[in-house]
C-alpha atoms as a PDB file:
ATOM      1  CA  VAL A   1      -8.040   5.606  40.096  1.00  0.00           C
ATOM      2  CA  GLN A   2     -11.578   4.470  40.804  1.00  0.00           C
ATOM      3  CA  LEU A   3     -13.701   2.225  38.632  1.00  0.00           C
ATOM      4  CA  VAL A   4     -17.462   2.104  39.109  1.00  0.00           C
ATOM      5  CA  GLU A   5     -19.456  -0.574  37.294  1.00  0.00           C
ATOM      6  CA  SER A   6     -23.164  -0.802  36.649  1.00  0.00           C
ATOM      7  CA  GLY A   7     -25.598  -2.727  34.518  1.00  0.00           C
ATOM      8  CA  GLY A   8     -25.439  -6.310  35.707  1.00  0.00           C
ATOM      9  CA  GLY A   9     -28.542  -8.411  36.282  1.00  0.00           C
ATOM     10  CA  SER A  10     -30.402 -11.580  35.412  1.00  0.00           C
ATOM     11  CA  VAL A  11     -31.519 -12.502  31.926  1.00  0.00           C
ATOM     12  CA  GLN A  12     -32.743 -15.541  30.066  1.00  0.00           C
ATOM     13  CA  PRO A  13     -30.527 -17.288  27.524  1.00  0.00           C
ATOM     14  CA  GLY A  14     -30.467 -15.327  24.303  1.00  0.00           C
ATOM     15  CA  GLY A  15     -31.033 -12.054  26.125  1.00  0.00           C
ATOM     16  CA  SER A  16     -28.861  -8.942  26.329  1.00  0.00           C
ATOM     17  CA  LEU A  17     -27.258  -6.743  28.938  1.00  0.00           C
ATOM     18  CA  ARG A  18     -25.180  -3.571  28.796  1.00  0.00           C
ATOM     19  CA  LEU A  19     -22.473  -3.055  31.388  1.00  0.00           C
ATOM     20  CA  SER A  20     -20.879   0.327  32.057  1.00  0.00           C
ATOM     21  CA  CYS A  21     -17.661   1.286  33.795  1.00  0.00           C
ATOM     22  CA  ALA A  22     -16.793   4.861  34.659  1.00  0.00           C
ATOM     23  CA  ALA A  23     -13.201   5.659  35.576  1.00  0.00           C
ATOM     24  CA  SER A  24     -12.011   8.612  37.608  1.00  0.00           C
ATOM     25  CA  GLY A  25      -8.518   9.724  38.525  1.00  0.00           C
ATOM     26  CA  ILE A  26      -6.843   8.634  35.283  1.00  0.00           C
ATOM     27  CA  THR A  27      -3.724  10.729  34.697  1.00  0.00           C
ATOM     28  CA  GLY A  28      -2.820   9.817  31.103  1.00  0.00           C
ATOM     29  CA  SER A  29      -4.407   8.794  27.817  1.00  0.00           C
ATOM     30  CA  ASN A  30      -2.397   5.660  26.961  1.00  0.00           C
ATOM     31  CA  TYR A  31      -4.460   3.229  28.943  1.00  0.00           C
ATOM     32  CA  ALA A  32      -6.159  -0.098  28.435  1.00  0.00           C
ATOM     33  CA  MET A  33      -9.603  -0.563  29.902  1.00  0.00           C
ATOM     34  CA  GLY A  34     -11.931  -3.491  29.730  1.00  0.00           C
ATOM     35  CA  TRP A  35     -13.562  -6.493  31.375  1.00  0.00           C
ATOM     36  CA  PHE A  36     -12.735  -9.775  33.037  1.00  0.00           C
ATOM     37  CA  ARG A  37     -15.208 -12.207  34.521  1.00  0.00           C
ATOM     38  CA  GLU A  38     -15.156 -14.859  37.209  1.00  0.00           C
ATOM     39  CA  ALA A  39     -17.541 -17.762  37.368  1.00  0.00           C
ATOM     40  CA  SER A  40     -18.059 -19.447  40.723  1.00  0.00           C
ATOM     41  CA  GLY A  41     -14.966 -21.443  41.625  1.00  0.00           C
ATOM     42  CA  ASN A  42     -13.095 -20.503  38.467  1.00  0.00           C
ATOM     43  CA  GLN A  43     -10.187 -18.237  37.704  1.00  0.00           C
ATOM     44  CA  ARG A  44     -10.726 -14.766  36.357  1.00  0.00           C
ATOM     45  CA  GLU A  45     -11.136 -14.871  32.591  1.00  0.00           C
ATOM     46  CA  PHE A  46     -10.384 -12.171  30.033  1.00  0.00           C
ATOM     47  CA  VAL A  47     -13.480 -10.908  28.203  1.00  0.00           C
ATOM     48  CA  ALA A  48     -12.663  -7.757  26.231  1.00  0.00           C
ATOM     49  CA  VAL A  49     -10.436  -4.706  26.348  1.00  0.00           C
ATOM     50  CA  PHE A  50     -10.059  -1.350  24.625  1.00  0.00           C
ATOM     51  CA  ARG A  51      -6.603   0.147  24.139  1.00  0.00           C
ATOM     52  CA  ARG A  52      -7.064   3.880  23.930  1.00  0.00           C
ATOM     53  CA  ASN A  53      -3.698   4.802  22.412  1.00  0.00           C
ATOM     54  CA  TYR A  54      -4.192   2.292  19.570  1.00  0.00           C
ATOM     55  CA  GLY A  55      -7.962   2.658  19.312  1.00  0.00           C
ATOM     56  CA  SER A  56      -8.188  -1.132  19.216  1.00  0.00           C
ATOM     57  CA  MET A  57     -10.653  -3.608  20.731  1.00  0.00           C
ATOM     58  CA  HIS A  58      -9.779  -7.175  21.675  1.00  0.00           C
ATOM     59  CA  TYR A  59     -12.087 -10.051  22.615  1.00  0.00           C
ATOM     60  CA  SER A  60     -11.847 -13.536  23.981  1.00  0.00           C
ATOM     61  CA  ASP A  61     -12.841 -16.258  21.543  1.00  0.00           C
ATOM     62  CA  SER A  62     -15.764 -17.205  23.788  1.00  0.00           C
ATOM     63  CA  VAL A  63     -17.489 -13.817  23.383  1.00  0.00           C
ATOM     64  CA  LYS A  64     -16.317 -12.679  19.959  1.00  0.00           C
ATOM     65  CA  GLY A  65     -19.282 -11.901  17.724  1.00  0.00           C
ATOM     66  CA  ARG A  66     -21.674 -11.631  20.684  1.00  0.00           C
ATOM     67  CA  PHE A  67     -20.119  -8.947  22.888  1.00  0.00           C
ATOM     68  CA  THR A  68     -19.047  -5.458  21.862  1.00  0.00           C
ATOM     69  CA  ILE A  69     -16.839  -3.114  23.837  1.00  0.00           C
ATOM     70  CA  SER A  70     -17.163   0.604  23.215  1.00  0.00           C
ATOM     71  CA  ARG A  71     -16.053   3.760  24.935  1.00  0.00           C
ATOM     72  CA  ASP A  72     -16.740   7.410  25.561  1.00  0.00           C
ATOM     73  CA  ASN A  73     -13.300   8.973  25.854  1.00  0.00           C
ATOM     74  CA  ALA A  74     -14.647  12.279  27.131  1.00  0.00           C
ATOM     75  CA  LYS A  75     -16.286  10.489  30.056  1.00  0.00           C
ATOM     76  CA  ASN A  76     -13.525   7.891  30.575  1.00  0.00           C
ATOM     77  CA  THR A  77     -16.245   5.268  30.357  1.00  0.00           C
ATOM     78  CA  VAL A  78     -16.307   1.897  28.651  1.00  0.00           C
ATOM     79  CA  TYR A  79     -19.353  -0.185  27.874  1.00  0.00           C
ATOM     80  CA  LEU A  80     -19.828  -3.884  27.251  1.00  0.00           C
ATOM     81  CA  GLN A  81     -22.847  -4.771  25.152  1.00  0.00           C
ATOM     82  CA  ALA A  82     -23.477  -8.458  25.753  1.00  0.00           C
ATOM     83  CA  ASN A  83     -25.880 -10.099  23.299  1.00  0.00           C
ATOM     84  CA  GLN A  84     -26.967 -13.693  22.731  1.00  0.00           C
ATOM     85  CA  LEU A  85     -26.110 -14.460  26.333  1.00  0.00           C
ATOM     86  CA  LYS A  86     -25.530 -18.060  27.344  1.00  0.00           C
ATOM     87  CA  PRO A  87     -25.630 -19.734  30.769  1.00  0.00           C
ATOM     88  CA  GLU A  88     -21.842 -20.064  30.620  1.00  0.00           C
ATOM     89  CA  ASP A  89     -21.598 -16.261  30.538  1.00  0.00           C
ATOM     90  CA  THR A  90     -22.791 -16.222  34.134  1.00  0.00           C
ATOM     91  CA  GLY A  91     -20.342 -14.711  36.604  1.00  0.00           C
ATOM     92  CA  VAL A  92     -19.072 -11.585  38.251  1.00  0.00           C
ATOM     93  CA  TYR A  93     -17.853  -9.095  35.674  1.00  0.00           C
ATOM     94  CA  TYR A  94     -14.990  -6.848  36.689  1.00  0.00           C
ATOM     95  CA  CYS A  95     -13.938  -3.630  35.024  1.00  0.00           C
ATOM     96  CA  VAL A  96     -10.161  -3.340  34.769  1.00  0.00           C
ATOM     97  CA  LEU A  97      -7.704  -0.612  33.848  1.00  0.00           C
ATOM     98  CA  SER A  98      -4.014  -0.379  33.160  1.00  0.00           C
ATOM     99  CA  GLU A  99      -2.406   3.032  32.899  1.00  0.00           C
ATOM    100  CA  ARG A 100       0.441   1.395  30.945  1.00  0.00           C
ATOM    101  CA  SER A 101       0.275   0.893  27.212  1.00  0.00           C
ATOM    102  CA  LEU A 102      -0.105  -2.896  27.014  1.00  0.00           C
ATOM    103  CA  ILE A 103       1.124  -5.034  24.153  1.00  0.00           C
ATOM    104  CA  VAL A 104      -1.307  -7.600  22.797  1.00  0.00           C
ATOM    105  CA  SER A 105       0.386 -10.553  24.493  1.00  0.00           C
ATOM    106  CA  LEU A 106      -0.286  -9.012  27.916  1.00  0.00           C
ATOM    107  CA  LEU A 107      -3.954  -8.127  27.420  1.00  0.00           C
ATOM    108  CA  ARG A 108      -5.344 -11.448  28.638  1.00  0.00           C
ATOM    109  CA  SER A 109      -3.394 -11.616  31.885  1.00  0.00           C
ATOM    110  CA  PRO A 110      -5.151 -10.360  35.047  1.00  0.00           C
ATOM    111  CA  THR A 111      -1.814  -9.253  36.477  1.00  0.00           C
ATOM    112  CA  SER A 112      -1.464  -6.662  33.687  1.00  0.00           C
ATOM    113  CA  TYR A 113      -4.191  -4.535  35.264  1.00  0.00           C
ATOM    114  CA  LYS A 114      -3.508  -2.576  38.421  1.00  0.00           C
ATOM    115  CA  TYR A 115      -7.018  -1.271  38.938  1.00  0.00           C
ATOM    116  CA  TRP A 116     -10.177  -3.356  39.371  1.00  0.00           C
ATOM    117  CA  GLY A 117     -13.780  -2.421  39.979  1.00  0.00           C
ATOM    118  CA  GLN A 118     -15.948  -4.001  42.645  1.00  0.00           C
ATOM    119  CA  GLY A 119     -17.643  -6.336  40.168  1.00  0.00           C
ATOM    120  CA  THR A 120     -21.191  -6.691  38.922  1.00  0.00           C
ATOM    121  CA  GLN A 121     -23.123  -9.961  38.791  1.00  0.00           C
ATOM    122  CA  VAL A 122     -24.447 -11.297  35.503  1.00  0.00           C
ATOM    123  CA  THR A 123     -26.725 -14.323  35.671  1.00  0.00           C
ATOM    124  CA  VAL A 124     -28.011 -16.083  32.571  1.00  0.00           C
ATOM    125  CA  SER A 125     -30.615 -18.672  33.402  1.00  0.00           C
ATOM    126  CA  SER A 126     -33.992 -19.893  32.263  1.00  0.00           C
END
């Protein structure tokens, strides 16, 4: 499995960005795919995930209402629309994928995801 991210960049507070992640090599349809982020010196933090077999989206409390995860199943691609960006949203955003069907309690753990993209930098600063 390969994950290729795009769409990071620098924006002012209150601005928007759209991240994309295209997956190749997926063998099944019961997967979970989404985003984590890592601010400088911090641990990797769950952002949002889409569970394909349930058709459900899940968000961290810190981004709920501002970020939206969506997908194109035919292209095995997920998107993260990030609106009302804040300086604390700054970090490297990683696309993640698990080919296992994850229960909700496992969604926020980095160790639940076997596959990680290379990361894309998001900087929110005035």
